[in-house]
Amino acid sequence: MHQLDDLVEPHRPRGHHGVREVADALGPGRGTPPASSADRATSGVPGRIATVVALQRTAGNQAVSRAIQDGRTPATVQRCGPGGCGPAGCDSTSEENAAPAAQAVLGQEDEFSSPGQAVDRPGAAVQRAATFAAGPVHQVNNLADCVVNGTPAGVTWPTLNGAQFWSSPAVRGAITRPTLKTTAVPVAPGGAGGGFDAEVDVVPNNTAGFDETVLAAGPWRINTTRATIAAMLPAPAVCNGPGATRFRAFGNPSDAHMATANRRHEDHHANDHKAAFNATVVPWDQKLTAAKASGQKFHGATAADAEAALWAAMGGTPEQVADAFFNACAAAVVAYHGTAAGGPIGAPTSPGANATCSISWAKYRNPS
């Protein structure tokens, strides 16, 4: 269940979701993949397979199998614009110019794959199986409502395959699992052989992203009671009584500054979610693809042992890798919220009201 940060002072709008029970979310047993060598999945692979693995690391998950199937020389990688991967759709000098406006939060260059990255080979535009795509940004929140009712001024959920998550069960339910093929090894004359071999059969697509909600443009107002304002602010004594007031939350130094800072804070979380995905799911996907391309087999005395050996070589089971993704997202949220720039919106300043407290106000500043 997604738990919003309630560690800020009462009646101070919250900048973003936090994590309760941080020790539980990040402690032992919550999905850290077992250690393994980055090269175990491809050790002992002969020359052509080494080339294929290099192609996979450069061009993408599905490029490998297609290159093997048609026997062509692996091609170079280009970045493609909105027009596709033909000559008219490519911009070899500036990915920023080709990226949709909604993806600006993610930056110009990805260490790993991004939508539109493909192999420049006739008839084989290939997209990597593990990708991160920019998500929607909803500019709908009312700062006055956040102040009065204690709701977050912004929140950015990580997503996996279209599902928002903020727990281990949720991200485990969202990840798409690879398919394995496990076969019994015949016992040869003399007693050699036996046991089971496991190999990667299908490497699925896993697409991560984010869903971001931030402040709408000001002005921000809400109808509430005078008693609420009197309890919330050191407002004039005229507010200490029955009746309604229209509360106005001002951004400090301006509404535009507040909205921009709020968006910048949530964009930081979106980029952290991307970094978490690139550090966990993407390298796992790369190892799976290389093992699939080479037909690498993992042996065990039982089918379960063989599959366990395969998962260990890949860097973890789907559940462990999903947990690692979630834990990395959670750790990044905690780390950013612990900085001066990532802290909560400040306490109200310059509170006031008119002569009858029919109108009241205060100013708020975002440290981002």
Foldseek 3Di string as FASTA:
>chain_A
DFAADPPDDALFAFLEGADPPLCVLQDPPLFQFDDDDLCPLPPPPDDVLVQLLVLCLQFAQPQSVVCVVVVDRFAHKFAFAPVADPPVTGDRPFQPVRDDPLCVLQPGDDSDFEPRIAGPDPPGGDGHQEYEYEDDEAAADFVACCSLVVYHQKYKFKFKCRHGDQDLVRLLVRDDFFDKDKDFWDQDPVGPGTFMKIFTDGQHHMYMFMYMYHHHQDFGKDKDWLCSVVVQDVEDPLSPDTDIAIETEAEVVGSVQQRVLSVVLNSQLRNQLVVLSCVFVVQLSSSNSSRNSRVDIAGDNYRVRRVVRVQSNSRHGSSSSSSSSSSSSNVSLVVQCPDQQNDTKDRWAPWYAPPNNNYIYTYIYHSD
